[in-house]
PDB file of N, CA and C in Angstrom:
ATOM      1  N   UNK A   1      -0.896 -13.165   8.548  1.00  0.00           N
ATOM      2  CA  UNK A   1      -1.359 -11.837   8.889  1.00  0.00           C
ATOM      3  C   UNK A   1      -0.190 -10.870   8.722  1.00  0.00           C
ATOM      4  N   UNK A   2      -0.273  -9.977   7.755  1.00  0.00           N
ATOM      5  CA  UNK A   2       0.793  -8.997   7.566  1.00  0.00           C
ATOM      6  C   UNK A   2       0.864  -8.011   8.734  1.00  0.00           C
ATOM      7  N   UNK A   3       2.071  -7.787   9.195  1.00  0.00           N
ATOM      8  CA  UNK A   3       2.314  -6.827  10.264  1.00  0.00           C
ATOM      9  C   UNK A   3       3.449  -5.920   9.798  1.00  0.00           C
ATOM     10  N   UNK A   4       3.216  -4.623   9.868  1.00  0.00           N
ATOM     11  CA  UNK A   4       4.207  -3.657   9.393  1.00  0.00           C
ATOM     12  C   UNK A   4       4.427  -2.592  10.453  1.00  0.00           C
ATOM     13  N   UNK A   5       5.687  -2.378  10.801  1.00  0.00           N
ATOM     14  CA  UNK A   5       5.989  -1.266  11.711  1.00  0.00           C
ATOM     15  C   UNK A   5       6.422  -0.077  10.874  1.00  0.00           C
ATOM     16  N   UNK A   6       5.945   1.103  11.279  1.00  0.00           N
ATOM     17  CA  UNK A   6       6.174   2.320  10.496  1.00  0.00           C
ATOM     18  C   UNK A   6       6.489   3.503  11.402  1.00  0.00           C
ATOM     19  N   UNK A   7       7.118   4.486  10.780  1.00  0.00           N
ATOM     20  CA  UNK A   7       7.281   5.788  11.407  1.00  0.00           C
ATOM     21  C   UNK A   7       6.516   6.773  10.530  1.00  0.00           C
ATOM     22  N   UNK A   8       5.600   7.484  11.154  1.00  0.00           N
ATOM     23  CA  UNK A   8       4.814   8.479  10.431  1.00  0.00           C
ATOM     24  C   UNK A   8       5.355   9.852  10.785  1.00  0.00           C
ATOM     25  N   UNK A   9       5.675  10.613   9.761  1.00  0.00           N
ATOM     26  CA  UNK A   9       6.136  11.987   9.949  1.00  0.00           C
ATOM     27  C   UNK A   9       4.945  12.918   9.788  1.00  0.00           C
ATOM     28  N   UNK A  10       4.835  13.869  10.715  1.00  0.00           N
ATOM     29  CA  UNK A  10       3.717  14.810  10.674  1.00  0.00           C
ATOM     30  C   UNK A  10       4.220  16.233  10.896  1.00  0.00           C
ATOM     31  N   UNK A  11       3.408  17.186  10.479  1.00  0.00           N
ATOM     32  CA  UNK A  11       3.725  18.584  10.754  1.00  0.00           C
ATOM     33  C   UNK A  11       3.793  18.770  12.265  1.00  0.00           C
ATOM     34  N   UNK A  12       4.737  19.554  12.746  1.00  0.00           N
ATOM     35  CA  UNK A  12       4.920  19.683  14.192  1.00  0.00           C
ATOM     36  C   UNK A  12       3.686  20.193  14.932  1.00  0.00           C
ATOM     37  N   UNK A  13       2.950  21.101  14.334  1.00  0.00           N
ATOM     38  CA  UNK A  13       1.770  21.639  15.006  1.00  0.00           C
ATOM     39  C   UNK A  13       0.539  20.726  14.890  1.00  0.00           C
ATOM     40  N   UNK A  14       0.638  19.668  14.087  1.00  0.00           N
ATOM     41  CA  UNK A  14      -0.482  18.742  13.897  1.00  0.00           C
ATOM     42  C   UNK A  14      -0.194  17.362  14.502  1.00  0.00           C
ATOM     43  N   UNK A  15       0.980  17.162  15.067  1.00  0.00           N
ATOM     44  CA  UNK A  15       1.394  15.847  15.552  1.00  0.00           C
ATOM     45  C   UNK A  15       0.423  15.182  16.507  1.00  0.00           C
ATOM     46  N   UNK A  16      -0.015  15.894  17.521  1.00  0.00           N
ATOM     47  CA  UNK A  16      -0.948  15.332  18.506  1.00  0.00           C
ATOM     48  C   UNK A  16      -2.284  14.978  17.867  1.00  0.00           C
ATOM     49  N   UNK A  17      -2.752  15.818  16.957  1.00  0.00           N
ATOM     50  CA  UNK A  17      -4.013  15.558  16.261  1.00  0.00           C
ATOM     51  C   UNK A  17      -3.892  14.313  15.381  1.00  0.00           C
ATOM     52  N   UNK A  18      -2.764  14.182  14.695  1.00  0.00           N
ATOM     53  CA  UNK A  18      -2.521  13.008  13.849  1.00  0.00           C
ATOM     54  C   UNK A  18      -2.511  11.749  14.705  1.00  0.00           C
ATOM     55  N   UNK A  19      -1.822  11.832  15.837  1.00  0.00           N
ATOM     56  CA  UNK A  19      -1.741  10.693  16.748  1.00  0.00           C
ATOM     57  C   UNK A  19      -3.138  10.252  17.196  1.00  0.00           C
ATOM     58  N   UNK A  20      -3.990  11.199  17.556  1.00  0.00           N
ATOM     59  CA  UNK A  20      -5.360  10.881  17.975  1.00  0.00           C
ATOM     60  C   UNK A  20      -6.164  10.277  16.830  1.00  0.00           C
ATOM     61  N   UNK A  21      -5.994  10.810  15.622  1.00  0.00           N
ATOM     62  CA  UNK A  21      -6.714  10.289  14.452  1.00  0.00           C
ATOM     63  C   UNK A  21      -6.276   8.851  14.137  1.00  0.00           C
ATOM     64  N   UNK A  22      -4.998   8.562  14.330  1.00  0.00           N
ATOM     65  CA  UNK A  22      -4.493   7.207  14.093  1.00  0.00           C
ATOM     66  C   UNK A  22      -5.139   6.193  15.024  1.00  0.00           C
ATOM     67  N   UNK A  23      -5.415   6.605  16.236  1.00  0.00           N
ATOM     68  CA  UNK A  23      -6.036   5.719  17.217  1.00  0.00           C
ATOM     69  C   UNK A  23      -7.440   5.283  16.785  1.00  0.00           C
ATOM     70  N   UNK A  24      -8.055   6.043  15.898  1.00  0.00           N
ATOM     71  CA  UNK A  24      -9.416   5.764  15.436  1.00  0.00           C
ATOM     72  C   UNK A  24      -9.451   4.787  14.260  1.00  0.00           C
ATOM     73  N   UNK A  25      -8.304   4.476  13.674  1.00  0.00           N
ATOM     74  CA  UNK A  25      -8.268   3.607  12.491  1.00  0.00           C
ATOM     75  C   UNK A  25      -8.069   2.157  12.935  1.00  0.00           C
ATOM     76  N   UNK A  26      -9.022   1.279  12.601  1.00  0.00           N
ATOM     77  CA  UNK A  26      -8.840  -0.139  12.937  1.00  0.00           C
ATOM     78  C   UNK A  26      -7.595  -0.712  12.268  1.00  0.00           C
ATOM     79  N   UNK A  27      -6.834  -1.488  13.015  1.00  0.00           N
ATOM     80  CA  UNK A  27      -5.618  -2.092  12.475  1.00  0.00           C
ATOM     81  C   UNK A  27      -4.368  -1.277  12.731  1.00  0.00           C
ATOM     82  N   UNK A  28      -4.506  -0.116  13.375  1.00  0.00           N
ATOM     83  CA  UNK A  28      -3.356   0.735  13.679  1.00  0.00           C
ATOM     84  C   UNK A  28      -3.130   0.753  15.191  1.00  0.00           C
ATOM     85  N   UNK A  29      -1.937   0.374  15.589  1.00  0.00           N
ATOM     86  CA  UNK A  29      -1.546   0.472  16.998  1.00  0.00           C
ATOM     87  C   UNK A  29      -0.521   1.593  17.115  1.00  0.00           C
ATOM     88  N   UNK A  30      -0.798   2.559  17.956  1.00  0.00           N
ATOM     89  CA  UNK A  30       0.086   3.711  18.134  1.00  0.00           C
ATOM     90  C   UNK A  30       0.966   3.459  19.352  1.00  0.00           C
ATOM     91  N   UNK A  31       2.276   3.544  19.162  1.00  0.00           N
ATOM     92  CA  UNK A  31       3.219   3.299  20.255  1.00  0.00           C
ATOM     93  C   UNK A  31       3.830   4.576  20.797  1.00  0.00           C
ATOM     94  N   UNK A  32       3.442   5.709  20.247  1.00  0.00           N
ATOM     95  CA  UNK A  32       3.903   6.975  20.786  1.00  0.00           C
ATOM     96  C   UNK A  32       4.420   7.907  19.720  1.00  0.00           C
ATOM     97  N   UNK A  33       4.443   9.174  20.091  1.00  0.00           N
ATOM     98  CA  UNK A  33       4.930  10.197  19.184  1.00  0.00           C
ATOM     99  C   UNK A  33       5.810  11.176  19.919  1.00  0.00           C
ATOM    100  N   UNK A  34       6.630  11.859  19.135  1.00  0.00           N
ATOM    101  CA  UNK A  34       7.563  12.816  19.734  1.00  0.00           C
ATOM    102  C   UNK A  34       7.930  13.882  18.722  1.00  0.00           C
ATOM    103  N   UNK A  35       7.992  15.108  19.193  1.00  0.00           N
ATOM    104  CA  UNK A  35       8.433  16.220  18.360  1.00  0.00           C
ATOM    105  C   UNK A  35       9.951  16.291  18.402  1.00  0.00           C
ATOM    106  N   UNK A  36      10.571  16.240  17.235  1.00  0.00           N
ATOM    107  CA  UNK A  36      12.019  16.429  17.121  1.00  0.00           C
ATOM    108  C   UNK A  36      12.230  17.875  16.680  1.00  0.00           C
ATOM    109  N   UNK A  37      12.497  18.730  17.661  1.00  0.00           N
ATOM    110  CA  UNK A  37      12.575  20.156  17.391  1.00  0.00           C
ATOM    111  C   UNK A  37      13.671  20.522  16.403  1.00  0.00           C
ATOM    112  N   UNK A  38      14.822  19.821  16.477  1.00  0.00           N
ATOM    113  CA  UNK A  38      15.924  20.150  15.569  1.00  0.00           C
ATOM    114  C   UNK A  38      15.551  19.870  14.110  1.00  0.00           C
ATOM    115  N   UNK A  39      14.622  18.925  13.885  1.00  0.00           N
ATOM    116  CA  UNK A  39      14.165  18.609  12.529  1.00  0.00           C
ATOM    117  C   UNK A  39      12.827  19.272  12.212  1.00  0.00           C
ATOM    118  N   UNK A  40      12.163  19.778  13.254  1.00  0.00           N
ATOM    119  CA  UNK A  40      10.856  20.407  13.125  1.00  0.00           C
ATOM    120  C   UNK A  40       9.820  19.450  12.520  1.00  0.00           C
ATOM    121  N   UNK A  41       9.864  18.178  12.993  1.00  0.00           N
ATOM    122  CA  UNK A  41       8.932  17.145  12.542  1.00  0.00           C
ATOM    123  C   UNK A  41       8.466  16.350  13.749  1.00  0.00           C
ATOM    124  N   UNK A  42       7.205  15.976  13.730  1.00  0.00           N
ATOM    125  CA  UNK A  42       6.626  15.132  14.766  1.00  0.00           C
ATOM    126  C   UNK A  42       6.626  13.702  14.240  1.00  0.00           C
ATOM    127  N   UNK A  43       7.307  12.789  14.940  1.00  0.00           N
ATOM    128  CA  UNK A  43       7.387  11.388  14.530  1.00  0.00           C
ATOM    129  C   UNK A  43       6.471  10.537  15.396  1.00  0.00           C
ATOM    130  N   UNK A  44       5.764   9.610  14.754  1.00  0.00           N
ATOM    131  CA  UNK A  44       4.852   8.710  15.461  1.00  0.00           C
ATOM    132  C   UNK A  44       5.199   7.270  15.069  1.00  0.00           C
ATOM    133  N   UNK A  45       5.408   6.429  16.070  1.00  0.00           N
ATOM    134  CA  UNK A  45       5.708   5.013  15.836  1.00  0.00           C
ATOM    135  C   UNK A  45       4.387   4.244  15.860  1.00  0.00           C
ATOM    136  N   UNK A  46       4.124   3.470  14.788  1.00  0.00           N
ATOM    137  CA  UNK A  46       2.895   2.685  14.702  1.00  0.00           C
ATOM    138  C   UNK A  46       3.179   1.283  14.175  1.00  0.00           C
ATOM    139  N   UNK A  47       2.244   0.390  14.435  1.00  0.00           N
ATOM    140  CA  UNK A  47       2.254  -0.942  13.839  1.00  0.00           C
ATOM    141  C   UNK A  47       0.917  -1.123  13.145  1.00  0.00           C
ATOM    142  N   UNK A  48       0.970  -1.555  11.883  1.00  0.00           N
ATOM    143  CA  UNK A  48      -0.229  -1.823  11.102  1.00  0.00           C
ATOM    144  C   UNK A  48      -0.418  -3.333  11.064  1.00  0.00           C
ATOM    145  N   UNK A  49      -1.639  -3.763  11.319  1.00  0.00           N
ATOM    146  CA  UNK A  49      -1.932  -5.180  11.440  1.00  0.00           C
ATOM    147  C   UNK A  49      -3.199  -5.481  10.652  1.00  0.00           C
ATOM    148  N   UNK A  50      -3.131  -6.413   9.693  1.00  0.00           N
ATOM    149  CA  UNK A  50      -4.298  -6.734   8.867  1.00  0.00           C
ATOM    150  C   UNK A  50      -4.278  -8.212   8.503  1.00  0.00           C
ATOM    151  N   UNK A  51      -5.368  -8.671   7.944  1.00  0.00           N
ATOM    152  CA  UNK A  51      -5.470 -10.067   7.520  1.00  0.00           C
ATOM    153  C   UNK A  51      -4.783 -10.293   6.177  1.00  0.00           C
ATOM    154  N   UNK A  52      -4.891  -9.292   5.269  1.00  0.00           N
ATOM    155  CA  UNK A  52      -4.325  -9.422   3.923  1.00  0.00           C
ATOM    156  C   UNK A  52      -3.591  -8.141   3.557  1.00  0.00           C
ATOM    157  N   UNK A  53      -2.698  -8.251   2.594  1.00  0.00           N
ATOM    158  CA  UNK A  53      -1.899  -7.114   2.158  1.00  0.00           C
ATOM    159  C   UNK A  53      -2.774  -5.960   1.661  1.00  0.00           C
ATOM    160  N   UNK A  54      -3.820  -6.282   0.906  1.00  0.00           N
ATOM    161  CA  UNK A  54      -4.675  -5.204   0.358  1.00  0.00           C
ATOM    162  C   UNK A  54      -5.332  -4.394   1.469  1.00  0.00           C
ATOM    163  N   UNK A  55      -5.560  -5.030   2.630  1.00  0.00           N
ATOM    164  CA  UNK A  55      -6.120  -4.298   3.771  1.00  0.00           C
ATOM    165  C   UNK A  55      -5.096  -3.304   4.316  1.00  0.00           C
ATOM    166  N   UNK A  56      -3.820  -3.679   4.255  1.00  0.00           N
ATOM    167  CA  UNK A  56      -2.763  -2.742   4.664  1.00  0.00           C
ATOM    168  C   UNK A  56      -2.763  -1.516   3.755  1.00  0.00           C
ATOM    169  N   UNK A  57      -2.967  -1.745   2.463  1.00  0.00           N
ATOM    170  CA  UNK A  57      -3.018  -0.627   1.525  1.00  0.00           C
ATOM    171  C   UNK A  57      -4.164   0.319   1.858  1.00  0.00           C
ATOM    172  N   UNK A  58      -5.308  -0.241   2.264  1.00  0.00           N
ATOM    173  CA  UNK A  58      -6.461   0.590   2.640  1.00  0.00           C
ATOM    174  C   UNK A  58      -6.153   1.392   3.905  1.00  0.00           C
ATOM    175  N   UNK A  59      -5.466   0.762   4.860  1.00  0.00           N
ATOM    176  CA  UNK A  59      -5.069   1.470   6.079  1.00  0.00           C
ATOM    177  C   UNK A  59      -4.115   2.604   5.736  1.00  0.00           C
ATOM    178  N   UNK A  60      -3.149   2.311   4.872  1.00  0.00           N
ATOM    179  CA  UNK A  60      -2.185   3.341   4.455  1.00  0.00           C
ATOM    180  C   UNK A  60      -2.902   4.520   3.803  1.00  0.00           C
ATOM    181  N   UNK A  61      -3.881   4.238   2.968  1.00  0.00           N
ATOM    182  CA  UNK A  61      -4.637   5.312   2.305  1.00  0.00           C
ATOM    183  C   UNK A  61      -5.355   6.187   3.335  1.00  0.00           C
ATOM    184  N   UNK A  62      -5.934   5.559   4.358  1.00  0.00           N
ATOM    185  CA  UNK A  62      -6.616   6.326   5.415  1.00  0.00           C
ATOM    186  C   UNK A  62      -5.628   7.210   6.171  1.00  0.00           C
ATOM    187  N   UNK A  63      -4.441   6.665   6.435  1.00  0.00           N
ATOM    188  CA  UNK A  63      -3.423   7.447   7.152  1.00  0.00           C
ATOM    189  C   UNK A  63      -3.011   8.656   6.326  1.00  0.00           C
ATOM    190  N   UNK A  64      -2.813   8.469   5.044  1.00  0.00           N
ATOM    191  CA  UNK A  64      -2.392   9.570   4.174  1.00  0.00           C
ATOM    192  C   UNK A  64      -3.439  10.668   4.071  1.00  0.00           C
ATOM    193  N   UNK A  65      -4.704  10.332   4.336  1.00  0.00           N
ATOM    194  CA  UNK A  65      -5.780  11.322   4.282  1.00  0.00           C
ATOM    195  C   UNK A  65      -5.818  12.216   5.514  1.00  0.00           C
ATOM    196  N   UNK A  66      -5.125  11.837   6.577  1.00  0.00           N
ATOM    197  CA  UNK A  66      -5.149  12.616   7.818  1.00  0.00           C
ATOM    198  C   UNK A  66      -4.414  13.930   7.605  1.00  0.00           C
ATOM    199  N   UNK A  67      -5.059  15.014   7.961  1.00  0.00           N
ATOM    200  CA  UNK A  67      -4.465  16.338   7.831  1.00  0.00           C
ATOM    201  C   UNK A  67      -3.213  16.421   8.707  1.00  0.00           C
ATOM    202  N   UNK A  68      -2.101  16.767   8.095  1.00  0.00           N
ATOM    203  CA  UNK A  68      -0.847  16.932   8.823  1.00  0.00           C
ATOM    204  C   UNK A  68       0.154  15.816   8.586  1.00  0.00           C
ATOM    205  N   UNK A  69      -0.271  14.694   7.991  1.00  0.00           N
ATOM    206  CA  UNK A  69       0.658  13.594   7.704  1.00  0.00           C
ATOM    207  C   UNK A  69       1.544  13.988   6.523  1.00  0.00           C
ATOM    208  N   UNK A  70       2.841  13.831   6.710  1.00  0.00           N
ATOM    209  CA  UNK A  70       3.796  14.133   5.650  1.00  0.00           C
ATOM    210  C   UNK A  70       4.255  12.875   4.919  1.00  0.00           C
ATOM    211  N   UNK A  71       4.542  11.818   5.699  1.00  0.00           N
ATOM    212  CA  UNK A  71       5.135  10.624   5.103  1.00  0.00           C
ATOM    213  C   UNK A  71       4.923   9.418   6.011  1.00  0.00           C
ATOM    214  N   UNK A  72       4.850   8.233   5.380  1.00  0.00           N
ATOM    215  CA  UNK A  72       4.829   6.968   6.108  1.00  0.00           C
ATOM    216  C   UNK A  72       6.066   6.203   5.676  1.00  0.00           C
ATOM    217  N   UNK A  73       6.921   5.868   6.631  1.00  0.00           N
ATOM    218  CA  UNK A  73       8.138   5.118   6.328  1.00  0.00           C
ATOM    219  C   UNK A  73       8.040   3.738   6.964  1.00  0.00           C
ATOM    220  N   UNK A  74       8.159   2.699   6.140  1.00  0.00           N
ATOM    221  CA  UNK A  74       8.121   1.324   6.642  1.00  0.00           C
ATOM    222  C   UNK A  74       9.475   0.996   7.249  1.00  0.00           C
ATOM    223  N   UNK A  75       9.435   0.481   8.473  1.00  0.00           N
ATOM    224  CA  UNK A  75      10.662   0.098   9.165  1.00  0.00           C
ATOM    225  C   UNK A  75      10.891  -1.401   9.006  1.00  0.00           C
ATOM    226  N   UNK A  76       9.833  -2.176   9.216  1.00  0.00           N
ATOM    227  CA  UNK A  76       9.938  -3.628   9.101  1.00  0.00           C
ATOM    228  C   UNK A  76       8.579  -4.185   8.701  1.00  0.00           C
ATOM    229  N   UNK A  77       8.585  -5.222   7.868  1.00  0.00           N
ATOM    230  CA  UNK A  77       7.337  -5.852   7.432  1.00  0.00           C
ATOM    231  C   UNK A  77       7.442  -7.355   7.601  1.00  0.00           C
ATOM    232  N   UNK A  78       6.341  -7.951   8.052  1.00  0.00           N
ATOM    233  CA  UNK A  78       6.290  -9.396   8.273  1.00  0.00           C
ATOM    234  C   UNK A  78       5.050  -9.937   7.575  1.00  0.00           C
ATOM    235  N   UNK A  79       5.256 -10.774   6.544  1.00  0.00           N
ATOM    236  CA  UNK A  79       4.158 -11.325   5.766  1.00  0.00           C
ATOM    237  C   UNK A  79       4.115 -12.849   5.799  1.00  0.00           C
ATOM    238  N   UNK A  80       4.959 -13.485   6.608  1.00  0.00           N
ATOM    239  CA  UNK A  80       5.115 -14.929   6.591  1.00  0.00           C
ATOM    240  C   UNK A  80       3.795 -15.674   6.772  1.00  0.00           C
ATOM    241  N   UNK A  81       2.983 -15.242   7.704  1.00  0.00           N
ATOM    242  CA  UNK A  81       1.725 -15.938   7.969  1.00  0.00           C
ATOM    243  C   UNK A  81       0.804 -15.914   6.741  1.00  0.00           C
ATOM    244  N   UNK A  82       0.767 -14.781   6.034  1.00  0.00           N
ATOM    245  CA  UNK A  82      -0.057 -14.704   4.831  1.00  0.00           C
ATOM    246  C   UNK A  82       0.470 -15.666   3.768  1.00  0.00           C
ATOM    247  N   UNK A  83       1.790 -15.752   3.598  1.00  0.00           N
ATOM    248  CA  UNK A  83       2.373 -16.679   2.629  1.00  0.00           C
ATOM    249  C   UNK A  83       2.046 -18.120   2.989  1.00  0.00           C
ATOM    250  N   UNK A  84       2.086 -18.455   4.269  1.00  0.00           N
ATOM    251  CA  UNK A  84       1.762 -19.809   4.707  1.00  0.00           C
ATOM    252  C   UNK A  84       0.304 -20.144   4.402  1.00  0.00           C
ATOM    253  N   UNK A  85      -0.597 -19.190   4.584  1.00  0.00           N
ATOM    254  CA  UNK A  85      -2.005 -19.420   4.257  1.00  0.00           C
ATOM    255  C   UNK A  85      -2.187 -19.631   2.756  1.00  0.00           C
ATOM    256  N   UNK A  86      -1.429 -18.909   1.940  1.00  0.00           N
ATOM    257  CA  UNK A  86      -1.483 -19.088   0.490  1.00  0.00           C
ATOM    258  C   UNK A  86      -1.011 -20.495   0.141  1.00  0.00           C
ATOM    259  N   UNK A  87       0.104 -20.931   0.745  1.00  0.00           N
ATOM    260  CA  UNK A  87       0.630 -22.271   0.490  1.00  0.00           C
ATOM    261  C   UNK A  87      -0.378 -23.352   0.855  1.00  0.00           C
ATOM    262  N   UNK A  88      -1.107 -23.168   1.938  1.00  0.00           N
ATOM    263  CA  UNK A  88      -2.103 -24.152   2.384  1.00  0.00           C
ATOM    264  C   UNK A  88      -3.406 -24.048   1.593  1.00  0.00           C
ATOM    265  N   UNK A  89      -3.535 -23.035   0.741  1.00  0.00           N
ATOM    266  CA  UNK A  89      -4.743 -22.855  -0.050  1.00  0.00           C
ATOM    267  C   UNK A  89      -5.876 -22.204   0.713  1.00  0.00           C
ATOM    268  N   UNK A  90      -5.579 -21.640   1.880  1.00  0.00           N
ATOM    269  CA  UNK A  90      -6.609 -21.001   2.690  1.00  0.00           C
ATOM    270  C   UNK A  90      -7.030 -19.655   2.119  1.00  0.00           C
ATOM    271  N   UNK A  91      -6.113 -18.983   1.458  1.00  0.00           N
ATOM    272  CA  UNK A  91      -6.432 -17.738   0.759  1.00  0.00           C
ATOM    273  C   UNK A  91      -5.787 -17.782  -0.618  1.00  0.00           C
ATOM    274  N   UNK A  92      -6.400 -17.110  -1.549  1.00  0.00           N
ATOM    275  CA  UNK A  92      -5.878 -17.056  -2.915  1.00  0.00           C
ATOM    276  C   UNK A  92      -5.460 -15.621  -3.189  1.00  0.00           C
ATOM    277  N   UNK A  93      -4.194 -15.409  -3.555  1.00  0.00           N
ATOM    278  CA  UNK A  93      -3.749 -14.034  -3.808  1.00  0.00           C
ATOM    279  C   UNK A  93      -4.401 -13.467  -5.058  1.00  0.00           C
ATOM    280  N   UNK A  94      -4.623 -12.182  -5.035  1.00  0.00           N
ATOM    281  CA  UNK A  94      -5.142 -11.505  -6.217  1.00  0.00           C
ATOM    282  C   UNK A  94      -3.998 -11.319  -7.192  1.00  0.00           C
ATOM    283  N   UNK A  95      -4.312 -11.309  -8.468  1.00  0.00           N
ATOM    284  CA  UNK A  95      -3.295 -11.131  -9.492  1.00  0.00           C
ATOM    285  C   UNK A  95      -3.385  -9.708 -10.034  1.00  0.00           C
ATOM    286  N   UNK A  96      -2.456  -8.836  -9.611  1.00  0.00           N
ATOM    287  CA  UNK A  96      -2.522  -7.452 -10.104  1.00  0.00           C
ATOM    288  C   UNK A  96      -2.197  -7.337 -11.587  1.00  0.00           C
ATOM    289  N   UNK A  97      -1.656  -8.419 -12.176  1.00  0.00           N
ATOM    290  CA  UNK A  97      -1.269  -8.390 -13.583  1.00  0.00           C
ATOM    291  C   UNK A  97      -2.218  -9.216 -14.442  1.00  0.00           C
ATOM    292  N   UNK A  98      -3.453  -9.436 -13.968  1.00  0.00           N
ATOM    293  CA  UNK A  98      -4.374 -10.312 -14.671  1.00  0.00           C
ATOM    294  C   UNK A  98      -4.660  -9.867 -16.101  1.00  0.00           C
ATOM    295  N   UNK A  99      -4.584  -8.601 -16.401  1.00  0.00           N
ATOM    296  CA  UNK A  99      -4.841  -8.128 -17.749  1.00  0.00           C
ATOM    297  C   UNK A  99      -3.596  -8.057 -18.614  1.00  0.00           C
ATOM    298  N   UNK A 100      -2.467  -8.504 -18.090  1.00  0.00           N
ATOM    299  CA  UNK A 100      -1.197  -8.373 -18.800  1.00  0.00           C
ATOM    300  C   UNK A 100      -1.168  -9.189 -20.084  1.00  0.00           C
ATOM    301  N   UNK A 101      -1.648 -10.427 -20.069  1.00  0.00           N
ATOM    302  CA  UNK A 101      -1.641 -11.275 -21.264  1.00  0.00           C
ATOM    303  C   UNK A 101      -2.416 -10.602 -22.406  1.00  0.00           C
ATOM    304  N   UNK A 102      -3.592 -10.091 -22.079  1.00  0.00           N
ATOM    305  CA  UNK A 102      -4.409  -9.439 -23.102  1.00  0.00           C
ATOM    306  C   UNK A 102      -3.679  -8.218 -23.659  1.00  0.00           C
ATOM    307  N   UNK A 103      -3.082  -7.432 -22.780  1.00  0.00           N
ATOM    308  CA  UNK A 103      -2.341  -6.247 -23.221  1.00  0.00           C
ATOM    309  C   UNK A 103      -1.158  -6.640 -24.103  1.00  0.00           C
ATOM    310  N   UNK A 104      -0.477  -7.738 -23.750  1.00  0.00           N
ATOM    311  CA  UNK A 104       0.651  -8.206 -24.565  1.00  0.00           C
ATOM    312  C   UNK A 104       0.185  -8.603 -25.966  1.00  0.00           C
ATOM    313  N   UNK A 105      -0.954  -9.296 -26.037  1.00  0.00           N
ATOM    314  CA  UNK A 105      -1.477  -9.735 -27.331  1.00  0.00           C
ATOM    315  C   UNK A 105      -1.872  -8.546 -28.197  1.00  0.00           C
ATOM    316  N   UNK A 106      -2.513  -7.561 -27.603  1.00  0.00           N
ATOM    317  CA  UNK A 106      -2.895  -6.362 -28.348  1.00  0.00           C
ATOM    318  C   UNK A 106      -1.656  -5.627 -28.852  1.00  0.00           C
ATOM    319  N   UNK A 107      -0.649  -5.493 -27.978  1.00  0.00           N
ATOM    320  CA  UNK A 107       0.588  -4.814 -28.366  1.00  0.00           C
ATOM    321  C   UNK A 107       1.290  -5.563 -29.497  1.00  0.00           C
ATOM    322  N   UNK A 108       1.279  -6.897 -29.437  1.00  0.00           N
ATOM    323  CA  UNK A 108       1.912  -7.698 -30.490  1.00  0.00           C
ATOM    324  C   UNK A 108       1.204  -7.496 -31.823  1.00  0.00           C
ATOM    325  N   UNK A 109      -0.130  -7.473 -31.787  1.00  0.00           N
ATOM    326  CA  UNK A 109      -0.891  -7.266 -33.021  1.00  0.00           C
ATOM    327  C   UNK A 109      -0.625  -5.872 -33.588  1.00  0.00           C
ATOM    328  N   UNK A 110      -0.523  -4.888 -32.710  1.00  0.00           N
ATOM    329  CA  UNK A 110      -0.221  -3.531 -33.173  1.00  0.00           C
ATOM    330  C   UNK A 110       1.165  -3.501 -33.813  1.00  0.00           C
ATOM    331  N   UNK A 111       2.107  -4.203 -33.205  1.00  0.00           N
ATOM    332  CA  UNK A 111       3.477  -4.252 -33.729  1.00  0.00           C
ATOM    333  C   UNK A 111       3.498  -4.877 -35.116  1.00  0.00           C
ATOM    334  N   UNK A 112       2.665  -5.915 -35.291  1.00  0.00           N
ATOM    335  CA  UNK A 112       2.605  -6.603 -36.574  1.00  0.00           C
ATOM    336  C   UNK A 112       1.714  -5.893 -37.581  1.00  0.00           C
ATOM    337  N   UNK A 113       1.063  -4.821 -37.143  1.00  0.00           N
ATOM    338  CA  UNK A 113       0.198  -4.064 -38.045  1.00  0.00           C
ATOM    339  C   UNK A 113      -1.164  -4.689 -38.224  1.00  0.00           C
ATOM    340  N   UNK A 114      -1.606  -5.481 -37.241  1.00  0.00           N
ATOM    341  CA  UNK A 114      -2.904  -6.132 -37.322  1.00  0.00           C
ATOM    342  C   UNK A 114      -3.896  -5.406 -36.415  1.00  0.00           C
ATOM    343  N   UNK A 115      -5.196  -5.570 -36.754  1.00  0.00           N
ATOM    344  CA  UNK A 115      -6.199  -5.042 -35.844  1.00  0.00           C
ATOM    345  C   UNK A 115      -6.476  -6.100 -34.768  1.00  0.00           C
ATOM    346  N   UNK A 116      -7.468  -5.857 -33.905  1.00  0.00           N
ATOM    347  CA  UNK A 116      -7.743  -6.790 -32.802  1.00  0.00           C
ATOM    348  C   UNK A 116      -8.181  -8.164 -33.283  1.00  0.00           C
ATOM    349  N   UNK A 117      -8.674  -8.271 -34.519  1.00  0.00           N
ATOM    350  CA  UNK A 117      -9.118  -9.551 -35.067  1.00  0.00           C
ATOM    351  C   UNK A 117      -7.999 -10.284 -35.798  1.00  0.00           C
ATOM    352  N   UNK A 118      -6.811  -9.706 -35.844  1.00  0.00           N
ATOM    353  CA  UNK A 118      -5.677 -10.345 -36.510  1.00  0.00           C
ATOM    354  C   UNK A 118      -5.576 -10.031 -37.984  1.00  0.00           C
ATOM    355  N   UNK A 119      -6.424  -9.139 -38.486  1.00  0.00           N
ATOM    356  CA  UNK A 119      -6.377  -8.780 -39.902  1.00  0.00           C
ATOM    357  C   UNK A 119      -5.455  -7.601 -40.099  1.00  0.00           C
ATOM    358  N   UNK A 120      -4.806  -7.579 -41.266  1.00  0.00           N
ATOM    359  CA  UNK A 120      -3.893  -6.482 -41.557  1.00  0.00           C
ATOM    360  C   UNK A 120      -4.623  -5.165 -41.590  1.00  0.00           C
ATOM    361  N   UNK A 121      -4.006  -4.151 -40.954  1.00  0.00           N
ATOM    362  CA  UNK A 121      -4.616  -2.823 -40.909  1.00  0.00           C
ATOM    363  C   UNK A 121      -4.477  -2.099 -42.230  1.00  0.00           C
ATOM    364  N   UNK A 122      -5.258  -1.043 -42.417  1.00  0.00           N
ATOM    365  CA  UNK A 122      -5.261  -0.263 -43.650  1.00  0.00           C
ATOM    366  C   UNK A 122      -3.946   0.495 -43.828  1.00  0.00           C
ATOM    367  N   UNK A 123      -3.309   0.860 -42.730  1.00  0.00           N
ATOM    368  CA  UNK A 123      -2.110   1.703 -42.815  1.00  0.00           C
ATOM    369  C   UNK A 123      -0.847   0.940 -43.141  1.00  0.00           C
ATOM    370  N   UNK A 124      -0.940  -0.375 -43.331  1.00  0.00           N
ATOM    371  CA  UNK A 124       0.276  -1.183 -43.537  1.00  0.00           C
ATOM    372  C   UNK A 124       0.524  -1.491 -44.953  1.00  0.00           C
TER     373      UNK A 124
END
């Protein structure tokens, strides 16, 4: 289970509203917020907790949609449990590069002046 601690920066006049909105997002634990007047930024300490990494990305997207959020800074991330589940075969990671082989083959054919069927192009 990936667990990530973060500091969320918000506009000073929207800090309390952002904090309340964060409480409504499943997987987000809010540990408090504070206005730093010298920096004119409202900081909120949160922990994001999900079953898989892609769920963390969805949580992050929801946070970024909140009016007044300036930035999400990751302080610490823990993914060990997810890696252990992958090792045991309990979950299978998604391959973000699944189309890479096909793209490499197309690029190679273009480099060699071939079309997608491997035949020489007219321009060569």
